[in-house]
PDB file of N, CA and C in Angstrom:
ATOM      1  N   TRP A   1     -18.281 187.962  12.259  1.00  0.00           N
ATOM      2  CA  TRP A   1     -17.661 188.634  11.009  1.00  0.00           C
ATOM      3  C   TRP A   1     -16.989 187.809  10.166  1.00  0.00           C
ATOM      4  N   TYR A   2     -16.064 186.957  10.694  1.00  0.00           N
ATOM      5  CA  TYR A   2     -15.187 186.209  10.098  1.00  0.00           C
ATOM      6  C   TYR A   2     -16.132 185.018   9.283  1.00  0.00           C
ATOM      7  N   ASP A   3     -17.054 184.331  10.004  1.00  0.00           N
ATOM      8  CA  ASP A   3     -17.930 183.445   9.337  1.00  0.00           C
ATOM      9  C   ASP A   3     -18.710 183.985   8.122  1.00  0.00           C
ATOM     10  N   HIS A   4     -19.295 185.347   8.434  1.00  0.00           N
ATOM     11  CA  HIS A   4     -20.081 185.913   7.427  1.00  0.00           C
ATOM     12  C   HIS A   4     -19.257 186.213   5.997  1.00  0.00           C
ATOM     13  N   VAL A   5     -18.119 186.802   6.386  1.00  0.00           N
ATOM     14  CA  VAL A   5     -17.209 187.128   5.162  1.00  0.00           C
ATOM     15  C   VAL A   5     -16.720 185.778   4.357  1.00  0.00           C
ATOM     16  N   LYS A   6     -16.253 185.031   5.219  1.00  0.00           N
ATOM     17  CA  LYS A   6     -15.668 183.817   4.709  1.00  0.00           C
ATOM     18  C   LYS A   6     -16.857 182.937   3.799  1.00  0.00           C
ATOM     19  N   GLY A   7     -18.071 182.918   4.427  1.00  0.00           N
ATOM     20  CA  GLY A   7     -19.217 182.322   3.733  1.00  0.00           C
ATOM     21  C   GLY A   7     -19.411 183.009   2.313  1.00  0.00           C
ATOM     22  N   TYR A   8     -19.518 184.265   2.375  1.00  0.00           N
ATOM     23  CA  TYR A   8     -19.805 184.763   0.977  1.00  0.00           C
ATOM     24  C   TYR A   8     -18.468 184.751   0.056  1.00  0.00           C
ATOM     25  N   TRP A   9     -17.391 184.744   0.606  1.00  0.00           N
ATOM     26  CA  TRP A   9     -16.306 184.514  -0.211  1.00  0.00           C
ATOM     27  C   TRP A   9     -16.145 183.148  -0.824  1.00  0.00           C
ATOM     28  N   GLU A  10     -16.643 182.191  -0.155  1.00  0.00           N
ATOM     29  CA  GLU A  10     -16.849 180.665  -0.720  1.00  0.00           C
ATOM     30  C   GLU A  10     -17.970 180.779  -1.750  1.00  0.00           C
ATOM     31  N   ARG A  11     -18.970 181.264  -1.306  1.00  0.00           N
ATOM     32  CA  ARG A  11     -20.154 181.293  -2.311  1.00  0.00           C
ATOM     33  C   ARG A  11     -19.955 181.922  -3.644  1.00  0.00           C
ATOM     34  N   ARG A  12     -18.906 182.898  -3.864  1.00  0.00           N
ATOM     35  CA  ARG A  12     -18.738 183.579  -5.064  1.00  0.00           C
ATOM     36  C   ARG A  12     -18.279 182.509  -6.227  1.00  0.00           C
ATOM     37  N   LYS A  13     -17.842 181.410  -5.770  1.00  0.00           N
ATOM     38  CA  LYS A  13     -17.444 180.303  -6.788  1.00  0.00           C
ATOM     39  C   LYS A  13     -18.763 179.861  -7.467  1.00  0.00           C
ATOM     40  N   GLU A  14     -19.832 179.992  -6.744  1.00  0.00           N
ATOM     41  CA  GLU A  14     -21.106 179.450  -7.390  1.00  0.00           C
ATOM     42  C   GLU A  14     -22.121 180.570  -7.782  1.00  0.00           C
ATOM     43  N   HIS A  15     -22.016 181.636  -7.177  1.00  0.00           N
ATOM     44  CA  HIS A  15     -22.941 182.863  -7.383  1.00  0.00           C
ATOM     45  C   HIS A  15     -22.066 184.137  -7.644  1.00  0.00           C
ATOM     46  N   PRO A  16     -22.649 184.900  -8.421  1.00  0.00           N
ATOM     47  CA  PRO A  16     -21.831 186.200  -8.717  1.00  0.00           C
ATOM     48  C   PRO A  16     -21.964 187.253  -7.537  1.00  0.00           C
ATOM     49  N   ILE A  17     -20.927 187.318  -6.920  1.00  0.00           N
ATOM     50  CA  ILE A  17     -20.870 188.144  -5.735  1.00  0.00           C
ATOM     51  C   ILE A  17     -19.701 189.123  -5.989  1.00  0.00           C
ATOM     52  N   LEU A  18     -19.985 190.459  -5.783  1.00  0.00           N
ATOM     53  CA  LEU A  18     -18.975 191.400  -5.920  1.00  0.00           C
ATOM     54  C   LEU A  18     -18.415 191.854  -4.551  1.00  0.00           C
ATOM     55  N   PHE A  19     -17.175 191.771  -4.471  1.00  0.00           N
ATOM     56  CA  PHE A  19     -16.557 192.386  -3.200  1.00  0.00           C
ATOM     57  C   PHE A  19     -15.835 193.800  -3.329  1.00  0.00           C
ATOM     58  N   LEU A  20     -16.188 194.570  -2.686  1.00  0.00           N
ATOM     59  CA  LEU A  20     -15.480 195.964  -2.728  1.00  0.00           C
ATOM     60  C   LEU A  20     -14.986 196.362  -1.418  1.00  0.00           C
ATOM     61  N   PHE A  21     -14.030 197.047  -1.541  1.00  0.00           N
ATOM     62  CA  PHE A  21     -13.241 197.486  -0.357  1.00  0.00           C
ATOM     63  C   PHE A  21     -13.108 199.056  -0.100  1.00  0.00           C
ATOM     64  N   TYR A  22     -13.195 199.402   1.215  1.00  0.00           N
ATOM     65  CA  TYR A  22     -13.400 200.699   1.460  1.00  0.00           C
ATOM     66  C   TYR A  22     -12.235 201.603   1.009  1.00  0.00           C
ATOM     67  N   GLU A  23     -11.021 200.969   1.344  1.00  0.00           N
ATOM     68  CA  GLU A  23      -9.761 201.565   0.802  1.00  0.00           C
ATOM     69  C   GLU A  23      -9.686 201.867  -0.677  1.00  0.00           C
ATOM     70  N   ASP A  24     -10.071 200.792  -1.376  1.00  0.00           N
ATOM     71  CA  ASP A  24     -10.147 200.959  -2.946  1.00  0.00           C
ATOM     72  C   ASP A  24     -11.204 202.204  -3.267  1.00  0.00           C
ATOM     73  N   MET A  25     -12.330 202.286  -2.575  1.00  0.00           N
ATOM     74  CA  MET A  25     -13.367 203.265  -2.895  1.00  0.00           C
ATOM     75  C   MET A  25     -12.601 204.720  -2.515  1.00  0.00           C
ATOM     76  N   LYS A  26     -12.014 204.654  -1.465  1.00  0.00           N
ATOM     77  CA  LYS A  26     -11.357 205.983  -1.169  1.00  0.00           C
ATOM     78  C   LYS A  26     -10.260 206.300  -2.168  1.00  0.00           C
ATOM     79  N   GLU A  27      -9.496 205.297  -2.657  1.00  0.00           N
ATOM     80  CA  GLU A  27      -8.529 205.650  -3.568  1.00  0.00           C
ATOM     81  C   GLU A  27      -8.852 206.035  -4.969  1.00  0.00           C
ATOM     82  N   ASP A  28      -9.972 205.548  -5.371  1.00  0.00           N
ATOM     83  CA  ASP A  28     -10.502 205.673  -6.830  1.00  0.00           C
ATOM     84  C   ASP A  28     -11.946 205.211  -6.792  1.00  0.00           C
ATOM     85  N   PRO A  29     -12.895 206.319  -6.422  1.00  0.00           N
ATOM     86  CA  PRO A  29     -14.310 205.929  -6.698  1.00  0.00           C
ATOM     87  C   PRO A  29     -14.762 205.657  -7.994  1.00  0.00           C
ATOM     88  N   GLN A  30     -14.182 206.412  -8.938  1.00  0.00           N
ATOM     89  CA  GLN A  30     -14.822 206.047 -10.328  1.00  0.00           C
ATOM     90  C   GLN A  30     -14.546 204.591 -10.824  1.00  0.00           C
ATOM     91  N   ARG A  31     -13.215 204.280 -10.430  1.00  0.00           N
ATOM     92  CA  ARG A  31     -12.821 202.795 -10.729  1.00  0.00           C
ATOM     93  C   ARG A  31     -13.710 201.825 -10.061  1.00  0.00           C
ATOM     94  N   GLU A  32     -14.130 202.002  -8.907  1.00  0.00           N
ATOM     95  CA  GLU A  32     -14.734 201.147  -8.066  1.00  0.00           C
ATOM     96  C   GLU A  32     -16.322 201.202  -8.466  1.00  0.00           C
ATOM     97  N   ILE A  33     -16.796 202.267  -8.695  1.00  0.00           N
ATOM     98  CA  ILE A  33     -18.170 202.487  -9.256  1.00  0.00           C
ATOM     99  C   ILE A  33     -18.228 201.864 -10.591  1.00  0.00           C
ATOM    100  N   GLY A  34     -17.325 201.786 -11.506  1.00  0.00           N
ATOM    101  CA  GLY A  34     -17.237 201.254 -12.732  1.00  0.00           C
ATOM    102  C   GLY A  34     -17.275 199.649 -12.574  1.00  0.00           C
ATOM    103  N   LYS A  35     -16.607 199.242 -11.349  1.00  0.00           N
ATOM    104  CA  LYS A  35     -16.672 197.662 -11.111  1.00  0.00           C
ATOM    105  C   LYS A  35     -18.118 197.229 -10.798  1.00  0.00           C
ATOM    106  N   VAL A  36     -18.841 198.142 -10.252  1.00  0.00           N
ATOM    107  CA  VAL A  36     -20.375 197.838  -9.760  1.00  0.00           C
ATOM    108  C   VAL A  36     -21.184 197.868 -11.103  1.00  0.00           C
ATOM    109  N   VAL A  37     -20.872 198.857 -11.927  1.00  0.00           N
ATOM    110  CA  VAL A  37     -21.649 198.988 -13.242  1.00  0.00           C
ATOM    111  C   VAL A  37     -21.330 197.748 -14.156  1.00  0.00           C
ATOM    112  N   GLN A  38     -20.037 197.320 -14.324  1.00  0.00           N
ATOM    113  CA  GLN A  38     -19.727 196.119 -15.164  1.00  0.00           C
ATOM    114  C   GLN A  38     -20.404 194.806 -14.257  1.00  0.00           C
ATOM    115  N   PHE A  39     -20.372 194.745 -13.003  1.00  0.00           N
ATOM    116  CA  PHE A  39     -20.878 193.667 -12.295  1.00  0.00           C
ATOM    117  C   PHE A  39     -22.379 193.452 -12.703  1.00  0.00           C
ATOM    118  N   LEU A  40     -23.032 194.629 -12.755  1.00  0.00           N
ATOM    119  CA  LEU A  40     -24.482 194.575 -13.102  1.00  0.00           C
ATOM    120  C   LEU A  40     -24.754 194.656 -14.577  1.00  0.00           C
ATOM    121  N   GLN A  41     -23.840 194.490 -15.375  1.00  0.00           N
ATOM    122  CA  GLN A  41     -23.728 194.380 -16.695  1.00  0.00           C
ATOM    123  C   GLN A  41     -24.637 195.615 -17.358  1.00  0.00           C
ATOM    124  N   ARG A  42     -24.221 196.707 -16.916  1.00  0.00           N
ATOM    125  CA  ARG A  42     -24.925 198.031 -17.285  1.00  0.00           C
ATOM    126  C   ARG A  42     -23.956 198.930 -17.968  1.00  0.00           C
ATOM    127  N   GLU A  43     -24.320 199.970 -18.743  1.00  0.00           N
ATOM    128  CA  GLU A  43     -23.495 201.053 -19.194  1.00  0.00           C
ATOM    129  C   GLU A  43     -24.048 202.323 -18.743  1.00  0.00           C
ATOM    130  N   LEU A  44     -23.230 203.287 -18.267  1.00  0.00           N
ATOM    131  CA  LEU A  44     -23.700 204.402 -17.764  1.00  0.00           C
ATOM    132  C   LEU A  44     -22.779 205.601 -18.304  1.00  0.00           C
ATOM    133  N   SER A  45     -23.446 206.689 -18.562  1.00  0.00           N
ATOM    134  CA  SER A  45     -22.676 207.873 -19.247  1.00  0.00           C
ATOM    135  C   SER A  45     -21.655 208.495 -18.148  1.00  0.00           C
ATOM    136  N   PRO A  46     -20.590 209.083 -18.726  1.00  0.00           N
ATOM    137  CA  PRO A  46     -19.716 209.806 -17.734  1.00  0.00           C
ATOM    138  C   PRO A  46     -20.409 210.650 -16.792  1.00  0.00           C
ATOM    139  N   ALA A  47     -21.535 211.352 -17.275  1.00  0.00           N
ATOM    140  CA  ALA A  47     -22.090 212.356 -16.292  1.00  0.00           C
ATOM    141  C   ALA A  47     -22.831 211.575 -15.290  1.00  0.00           C
ATOM    142  N   VAL A  48     -23.597 210.463 -15.429  1.00  0.00           N
ATOM    143  CA  VAL A  48     -24.165 209.650 -14.429  1.00  0.00           C
ATOM    144  C   VAL A  48     -23.091 209.123 -13.478  1.00  0.00           C
ATOM    145  N   LEU A  49     -21.981 208.534 -14.056  1.00  0.00           N
ATOM    146  CA  LEU A  49     -20.729 208.058 -12.976  1.00  0.00           C
ATOM    147  C   LEU A  49     -20.438 209.210 -12.130  1.00  0.00           C
ATOM    148  N   ASP A  50     -20.220 210.324 -12.817  1.00  0.00           N
ATOM    149  CA  ASP A  50     -19.742 211.571 -11.869  1.00  0.00           C
ATOM    150  C   ASP A  50     -20.915 211.844 -10.808  1.00  0.00           C
ATOM    151  N   ALA A  51     -22.131 211.790 -11.211  1.00  0.00           N
ATOM    152  CA  ALA A  51     -23.201 211.986 -10.177  1.00  0.00           C
ATOM    153  C   ALA A  51     -23.185 210.979  -9.126  1.00  0.00           C
ATOM    154  N   ILE A  52     -22.928 209.609  -9.504  1.00  0.00           N
ATOM    155  CA  ILE A  52     -22.896 208.769  -8.437  1.00  0.00           C
ATOM    156  C   ILE A  52     -21.747 208.883  -7.578  1.00  0.00           C
ATOM    157  N   ALA A  53     -20.561 209.182  -8.151  1.00  0.00           N
ATOM    158  CA  ALA A  53     -19.375 209.500  -7.252  1.00  0.00           C
ATOM    159  C   ALA A  53     -19.594 210.586  -6.292  1.00  0.00           C
ATOM    160  N   HIS A  54     -20.273 211.517  -6.885  1.00  0.00           N
ATOM    161  CA  HIS A  54     -20.554 212.673  -5.775  1.00  0.00           C
ATOM    162  C   HIS A  54     -21.443 212.398  -4.794  1.00  0.00           C
ATOM    163  N   HIS A  55     -22.637 211.784  -5.035  1.00  0.00           N
ATOM    164  CA  HIS A  55     -23.578 211.491  -4.110  1.00  0.00           C
ATOM    165  C   HIS A  55     -23.250 210.380  -3.167  1.00  0.00           C
ATOM    166  N   THR A  56     -22.277 209.513  -3.494  1.00  0.00           N
ATOM    167  CA  THR A  56     -21.782 208.515  -2.785  1.00  0.00           C
ATOM    168  C   THR A  56     -20.452 208.804  -2.019  1.00  0.00           C
ATOM    169  N   SER A  57     -20.012 210.026  -2.270  1.00  0.00           N
ATOM    170  CA  SER A  57     -18.635 210.460  -1.544  1.00  0.00           C
ATOM    171  C   SER A  57     -19.148 210.549  -0.097  1.00  0.00           C
ATOM    172  N   PHE A  58     -18.091 210.441   0.870  1.00  0.00           N
ATOM    173  CA  PHE A  58     -18.135 210.535   2.319  1.00  0.00           C
ATOM    174  C   PHE A  58     -18.919 211.869   2.557  1.00  0.00           C
ATOM    175  N   GLU A  59     -18.323 212.854   2.095  1.00  0.00           N
ATOM    176  CA  GLU A  59     -18.684 214.251   2.436  1.00  0.00           C
ATOM    177  C   GLU A  59     -20.196 214.333   2.111  1.00  0.00           C
ATOM    178  N   SER A  60     -20.658 213.924   0.889  1.00  0.00           N
ATOM    179  CA  SER A  60     -22.087 214.113   0.733  1.00  0.00           C
ATOM    180  C   SER A  60     -22.955 213.239   1.554  1.00  0.00           C
ATOM    181  N   MET A  61     -22.549 212.058   1.814  1.00  0.00           N
ATOM    182  CA  MET A  61     -23.289 211.191   2.554  1.00  0.00           C
ATOM    183  C   MET A  61     -23.390 211.461   4.048  1.00  0.00           C
ATOM    184  N   ARG A  62     -22.251 212.199   4.624  1.00  0.00           N
ATOM    185  CA  ARG A  62     -22.039 212.642   5.963  1.00  0.00           C
ATOM    186  C   ARG A  62     -23.143 213.625   6.273  1.00  0.00           C
ATOM    187  N   ASP A  63     -23.392 214.484   5.122  1.00  0.00           N
ATOM    188  CA  ASP A  63     -24.299 215.675   5.285  1.00  0.00           C
ATOM    189  C   ASP A  63     -25.703 215.452   4.882  1.00  0.00           C
ATOM    190  N   ASN A  64     -25.973 214.193   4.518  1.00  0.00           N
ATOM    191  CA  ASN A  64     -27.245 213.846   4.053  1.00  0.00           C
ATOM    192  C   ASN A  64     -27.999 213.006   5.265  1.00  0.00           C
ATOM    193  N   PRO A  65     -29.134 213.608   5.799  1.00  0.00           N
ATOM    194  CA  PRO A  65     -29.812 212.899   6.809  1.00  0.00           C
ATOM    195  C   PRO A  65     -30.339 211.555   6.510  1.00  0.00           C
ATOM    196  N   THR A  66     -30.585 211.369   5.141  1.00  0.00           N
ATOM    197  CA  THR A  66     -31.138 209.943   4.831  1.00  0.00           C
ATOM    198  C   THR A  66     -30.011 208.892   4.763  1.00  0.00           C
ATOM    199  N   THR A  67     -28.792 209.375   4.839  1.00  0.00           N
ATOM    200  CA  THR A  67     -27.693 208.458   4.966  1.00  0.00           C
ATOM    201  C   THR A  67     -26.813 208.419   6.230  1.00  0.00           C
ATOM    202  N   ASN A  68     -26.899 209.662   6.894  1.00  0.00           N
ATOM    203  CA  ASN A  68     -25.974 209.695   8.167  1.00  0.00           C
ATOM    204  C   ASN A  68     -26.742 209.328   9.630  1.00  0.00           C
ATOM    205  N   TYR A  69     -27.921 208.910   9.327  1.00  0.00           N
ATOM    206  CA  TYR A  69     -28.780 208.453  10.579  1.00  0.00           C
ATOM    207  C   TYR A  69     -28.981 209.530  11.520  1.00  0.00           C
ATOM    208  N   THR A  70     -28.894 210.832  11.172  1.00  0.00           N
ATOM    209  CA  THR A  70     -29.407 211.797  12.173  1.00  0.00           C
ATOM    210  C   THR A  70     -30.853 212.000  12.263  1.00  0.00           C
ATOM    211  N   SER A  71     -31.630 211.355  11.491  1.00  0.00           N
ATOM    212  CA  SER A  71     -33.000 211.387  11.757  1.00  0.00           C
ATOM    213  C   SER A  71     -33.519 210.244  12.601  1.00  0.00           C
ATOM    214  N   VAL A  72     -32.691 209.443  13.108  1.00  0.00           N
ATOM    215  CA  VAL A  72     -32.816 208.264  14.080  1.00  0.00           C
ATOM    216  C   VAL A  72     -33.026 208.900  15.473  1.00  0.00           C
ATOM    217  N   PRO A  73     -33.972 208.576  16.214  1.00  0.00           N
ATOM    218  CA  PRO A  73     -34.180 209.136  17.403  1.00  0.00           C
ATOM    219  C   PRO A  73     -32.875 208.945  18.492  1.00  0.00           C
ATOM    220  N   ALA A  74     -32.535 210.011  19.197  1.00  0.00           N
ATOM    221  CA  ALA A  74     -31.326 209.882  19.944  1.00  0.00           C
ATOM    222  C   ALA A  74     -31.369 208.695  20.873  1.00  0.00           C
ATOM    223  N   ASP A  75     -32.413 208.334  21.460  1.00  0.00           N
ATOM    224  CA  ASP A  75     -32.471 207.074  22.302  1.00  0.00           C
ATOM    225  C   ASP A  75     -32.038 205.945  21.547  1.00  0.00           C
ATOM    226  N   LEU A  76     -32.100 205.764  20.297  1.00  0.00           N
ATOM    227  CA  LEU A  76     -31.601 204.769  19.442  1.00  0.00           C
ATOM    228  C   LEU A  76     -30.119 204.901  18.985  1.00  0.00           C
ATOM    229  N   MET A  77     -29.843 206.148  18.699  1.00  0.00           N
ATOM    230  CA  MET A  77     -28.498 206.411  18.123  1.00  0.00           C
ATOM    231  C   MET A  77     -28.162 207.900  18.533  1.00  0.00           C
ATOM    232  N   ASP A  78     -27.315 208.055  19.596  1.00  0.00           N
ATOM    233  CA  ASP A  78     -26.877 209.409  20.192  1.00  0.00           C
ATOM    234  C   ASP A  78     -25.645 209.851  19.478  1.00  0.00           C
ATOM    235  N   HIS A  79     -25.939 210.716  18.476  1.00  0.00           N
ATOM    236  CA  HIS A  79     -24.808 211.190  17.700  1.00  0.00           C
ATOM    237  C   HIS A  79     -23.937 212.152  18.662  1.00  0.00           C
ATOM    238  N   HIS A  80     -24.359 212.415  19.785  1.00  0.00           N
ATOM    239  CA  HIS A  80     -23.376 213.307  20.578  1.00  0.00           C
ATOM    240  C   HIS A  80     -22.367 212.503  21.328  1.00  0.00           C
ATOM    241  N   VAL A  81     -22.625 211.222  21.370  1.00  0.00           N
ATOM    242  CA  VAL A  81     -21.723 210.150  21.960  1.00  0.00           C
ATOM    243  C   VAL A  81     -20.809 209.829  20.810  1.00  0.00           C
ATOM    244  N   SER A  82     -21.298 209.424  19.569  1.00  0.00           N
ATOM    245  CA  SER A  82     -20.454 209.215  18.456  1.00  0.00           C
ATOM    246  C   SER A  82     -21.308 209.242  17.050  1.00  0.00           C
ATOM    247  N   PRO A  83     -20.968 210.047  16.199  1.00  0.00           N
ATOM    248  CA  PRO A  83     -21.832 210.101  14.886  1.00  0.00           C
ATOM    249  C   PRO A  83     -21.567 208.854  14.160  1.00  0.00           C
ATOM    250  N   PHE A  84     -22.604 208.499  13.382  1.00  0.00           N
ATOM    251  CA  PHE A  84     -22.704 207.285  12.640  1.00  0.00           C
ATOM    252  C   PHE A  84     -21.368 207.318  11.589  1.00  0.00           C
ATOM    253  N   MET A  85     -21.316 208.522  10.908  1.00  0.00           N
ATOM    254  CA  MET A  85     -20.299 208.661   9.861  1.00  0.00           C
ATOM    255  C   MET A  85     -19.001 209.493  10.586  1.00  0.00           C
ATOM    256  N   ARG A  86     -18.025 209.033  10.839  1.00  0.00           N
ATOM    257  CA  ARG A  86     -17.079 209.574  11.605  1.00  0.00           C
ATOM    258  C   ARG A  86     -16.097 210.419  10.836  1.00  0.00           C
ATOM    259  N   LYS A  87     -15.067 209.858  10.409  1.00  0.00           N
ATOM    260  CA  LYS A  87     -14.042 210.718   9.710  1.00  0.00           C
ATOM    261  C   LYS A  87     -13.885 210.425   8.058  1.00  0.00           C
ATOM    262  N   GLY A  88     -14.281 209.245   7.699  1.00  0.00           N
ATOM    263  CA  GLY A  88     -14.144 208.994   6.338  1.00  0.00           C
ATOM    264  C   GLY A  88     -12.846 208.780   5.767  1.00  0.00           C
ATOM    265  N   ILE A  89     -11.856 208.352   6.562  1.00  0.00           N
ATOM    266  CA  ILE A  89     -10.522 208.028   6.091  1.00  0.00           C
ATOM    267  C   ILE A  89     -10.186 206.600   6.225  1.00  0.00           C
ATOM    268  N   ALA A  90      -9.187 206.264   5.577  1.00  0.00           N
ATOM    269  CA  ALA A  90      -8.725 204.980   5.592  1.00  0.00           C
ATOM    270  C   ALA A  90      -7.509 204.940   6.466  1.00  0.00           C
ATOM    271  N   GLY A  91      -7.343 203.920   7.288  1.00  0.00           N
ATOM    272  CA  GLY A  91      -6.029 203.683   8.098  1.00  0.00           C
ATOM    273  C   GLY A  91      -6.164 204.300   9.584  1.00  0.00           C
ATOM    274  N   ASP A  92      -7.408 204.959   9.941  1.00  0.00           N
ATOM    275  CA  ASP A  92      -7.612 205.604  11.123  1.00  0.00           C
ATOM    276  C   ASP A  92      -7.337 204.582  12.405  1.00  0.00           C
ATOM    277  N   TRP A  93      -7.374 203.328  12.015  1.00  0.00           N
ATOM    278  CA  TRP A  93      -7.107 202.258  13.053  1.00  0.00           C
ATOM    279  C   TRP A  93      -5.932 202.379  13.703  1.00  0.00           C
ATOM    280  N   LYS A  94      -4.947 203.038  13.062  1.00  0.00           N
ATOM    281  CA  LYS A  94      -3.509 203.167  13.603  1.00  0.00           C
ATOM    282  C   LYS A  94      -3.584 204.168  14.757  1.00  0.00           C
ATOM    283  N   ASN A  95      -4.591 205.130  14.833  1.00  0.00           N
ATOM    284  CA  ASN A  95      -4.740 206.094  15.831  1.00  0.00           C
ATOM    285  C   ASN A  95      -5.498 205.383  17.125  1.00  0.00           C
ATOM    286  N   HIS A  96      -5.858 204.275  16.996  1.00  0.00           N
ATOM    287  CA  HIS A  96      -6.634 203.586  18.093  1.00  0.00           C
ATOM    288  C   HIS A  96      -6.043 202.259  18.642  1.00  0.00           C
ATOM    289  N   PHE A  97      -5.374 201.623  17.741  1.00  0.00           N
ATOM    290  CA  PHE A  97      -4.720 200.277  18.066  1.00  0.00           C
ATOM    291  C   PHE A  97      -3.249 200.434  18.589  1.00  0.00           C
ATOM    292  N   THR A  98      -2.900 199.819  19.592  1.00  0.00           N
ATOM    293  CA  THR A  98      -1.434 199.908  19.833  1.00  0.00           C
ATOM    294  C   THR A  98      -0.816 198.806  18.988  1.00  0.00           C
ATOM    295  N   VAL A  99       0.596 198.830  18.994  1.00  0.00           N
ATOM    296  CA  VAL A  99       1.335 197.897  18.150  1.00  0.00           C
ATOM    297  C   VAL A  99       0.908 196.504  18.607  1.00  0.00           C
ATOM    298  N   ALA A 100       0.664 196.257  19.702  1.00  0.00           N
ATOM    299  CA  ALA A 100       0.605 194.878  20.341  1.00  0.00           C
ATOM    300  C   ALA A 100      -1.002 194.560  19.919  1.00  0.00           C
ATOM    301  N   GLN A 101      -1.948 195.400  20.001  1.00  0.00           N
ATOM    302  CA  GLN A 101      -3.206 194.970  19.484  1.00  0.00           C
ATOM    303  C   GLN A 101      -3.354 194.769  17.980  1.00  0.00           C
ATOM    304  N   SER A 102      -2.587 195.475  17.382  1.00  0.00           N
ATOM    305  CA  SER A 102      -2.409 195.341  15.798  1.00  0.00           C
ATOM    306  C   SER A 102      -1.953 193.946  15.494  1.00  0.00           C
ATOM    307  N   GLU A 103      -0.969 193.590  16.355  1.00  0.00           N
ATOM    308  CA  GLU A 103      -0.390 192.361  15.924  1.00  0.00           C
ATOM    309  C   GLU A 103      -1.327 191.174  16.259  1.00  0.00           C
ATOM    310  N   ARG A 104      -1.929 191.282  17.551  1.00  0.00           N
ATOM    311  CA  ARG A 104      -2.923 190.419  17.997  1.00  0.00           C
ATOM    312  C   ARG A 104      -4.197 190.179  16.827  1.00  0.00           C
ATOM    313  N   PHE A 105      -4.452 191.343  16.376  1.00  0.00           N
ATOM    314  CA  PHE A 105      -5.582 191.458  15.334  1.00  0.00           C
ATOM    315  C   PHE A 105      -5.072 190.599  14.042  1.00  0.00           C
ATOM    316  N   ASP A 106      -3.793 190.838  13.628  1.00  0.00           N
ATOM    317  CA  ASP A 106      -3.272 190.189  12.464  1.00  0.00           C
ATOM    318  C   ASP A 106      -3.208 188.712  12.735  1.00  0.00           C
ATOM    319  N   GLU A 107      -2.828 188.197  13.814  1.00  0.00           N
ATOM    320  CA  GLU A 107      -2.706 186.756  14.179  1.00  0.00           C
ATOM    321  C   GLU A 107      -4.119 186.242  14.179  1.00  0.00           C
ATOM    322  N   ASP A 108      -5.095 186.895  14.830  1.00  0.00           N
ATOM    323  CA  ASP A 108      -6.484 186.445  14.897  1.00  0.00           C
ATOM    324  C   ASP A 108      -7.052 186.318  13.494  1.00  0.00           C
ATOM    325  N   TYR A 109      -6.895 187.407  12.505  1.00  0.00           N
ATOM    326  CA  TYR A 109      -7.231 187.282  11.161  1.00  0.00           C
ATOM    327  C   TYR A 109      -6.620 186.168  10.378  1.00  0.00           C
ATOM    328  N   ALA A 110      -5.467 186.090  10.609  1.00  0.00           N
ATOM    329  CA  ALA A 110      -4.631 184.806   9.880  1.00  0.00           C
ATOM    330  C   ALA A 110      -5.250 183.547  10.260  1.00  0.00           C
ATOM    331  N   ARG A 111      -5.429 183.353  11.597  1.00  0.00           N
ATOM    332  CA  ARG A 111      -5.918 182.117  11.982  1.00  0.00           C
ATOM    333  C   ARG A 111      -7.467 181.986  11.502  1.00  0.00           C
ATOM    334  N   LYS A 112      -8.294 182.886  11.612  1.00  0.00           N
ATOM    335  CA  LYS A 112      -9.658 182.644  11.220  1.00  0.00           C
ATOM    336  C   LYS A 112     -10.041 182.784   9.823  1.00  0.00           C
ATOM    337  N   MET A 113      -9.050 183.448   9.045  1.00  0.00           N
ATOM    338  CA  MET A 113      -9.317 183.492   7.667  1.00  0.00           C
ATOM    339  C   MET A 113      -8.402 182.512   6.982  1.00  0.00           C
ATOM    340  N   ALA A 114      -7.754 181.531   7.516  1.00  0.00           N
ATOM    341  CA  ALA A 114      -6.885 180.496   6.893  1.00  0.00           C
ATOM    342  C   ALA A 114      -7.792 179.837   5.829  1.00  0.00           C
ATOM    343  N   GLY A 115      -7.141 179.460   4.831  1.00  0.00           N
ATOM    344  CA  GLY A 115      -7.874 178.804   3.632  1.00  0.00           C
ATOM    345  C   GLY A 115      -8.405 179.669   2.681  1.00  0.00           C
ATOM    346  N   THR A 116      -8.469 180.929   2.834  1.00  0.00           N
ATOM    347  CA  THR A 116      -8.961 181.986   1.904  1.00  0.00           C
ATOM    348  C   THR A 116      -7.720 182.789   1.319  1.00  0.00           C
ATOM    349  N   ASP A 117      -7.895 183.231   0.139  1.00  0.00           N
ATOM    350  CA  ASP A 117      -6.994 184.205  -0.467  1.00  0.00           C
ATOM    351  C   ASP A 117      -7.375 185.681  -0.275  1.00  0.00           C
ATOM    352  N   LEU A 118      -8.366 185.968   0.560  1.00  0.00           N
ATOM    353  CA  LEU A 118      -8.943 187.263   0.770  1.00  0.00           C
ATOM    354  C   LEU A 118      -8.111 188.095   1.672  1.00  0.00           C
ATOM    355  N   ARG A 119      -7.616 189.151   1.048  1.00  0.00           N
ATOM    356  CA  ARG A 119      -6.766 190.098   1.588  1.00  0.00           C
ATOM    357  C   ARG A 119      -7.393 191.520   1.701  1.00  0.00           C
ATOM    358  N   PHE A 120      -7.401 192.102   2.946  1.00  0.00           N
ATOM    359  CA  PHE A 120      -7.740 193.489   3.010  1.00  0.00           C
ATOM    360  C   PHE A 120      -6.754 194.505   3.104  1.00  0.00           C
ATOM    361  N   ARG A 121      -6.857 195.644   2.407  1.00  0.00           N
ATOM    362  CA  ARG A 121      -5.843 196.651   2.569  1.00  0.00           C
ATOM    363  C   ARG A 121      -6.415 197.395   3.910  1.00  0.00           C
ATOM    364  N   THR A 122      -5.374 197.807   4.653  1.00  0.00           N
ATOM    365  CA  THR A 122      -5.767 198.491   5.819  1.00  0.00           C
ATOM    366  C   THR A 122      -5.244 200.011   5.926  1.00  0.00           C
ATOM    367  N   GLU A 123      -4.825 200.358   4.724  1.00  0.00           N
ATOM    368  CA  GLU A 123      -4.523 201.883   4.669  1.00  0.00           C
ATOM    369  C   GLU A 123      -4.080 202.025   3.074  1.00  0.00           C
ATOM    370  N   LEU A 124      -4.095 203.284   2.806  1.00  0.00           N
ATOM    371  CA  LEU A 124      -3.771 203.739   1.289  1.00  0.00           C
ATOM    372  C   LEU A 124      -2.298 203.851   1.100  1.00  0.00           C
TER     373      LEU A 124
END
């Protein structure tokens, strides 16, 4: 993951690459959709932007078989074990990581992402 993200982060200097973050999408979907539209050098009406925000919301995608993977055979993805789309919230990691695990992750991230100014938000 680190190599993948760092590689694209470096390539953004030579090629147009748009980085979006889940927490930002949760905070203000319209703003982030606007970034995509601007990146693609397009203009869309407010009604189309609203439709995009609606159809790409967690709730809409969670209930849509074409995006929630419920049409995938159970032997490939058993939704009874864990659904593909879980809660749709930011910061849920705090319910799974101990303080020590969080500290270890922060240290690992700092070491492996050294030399970049890429910073992720981990909560709203």
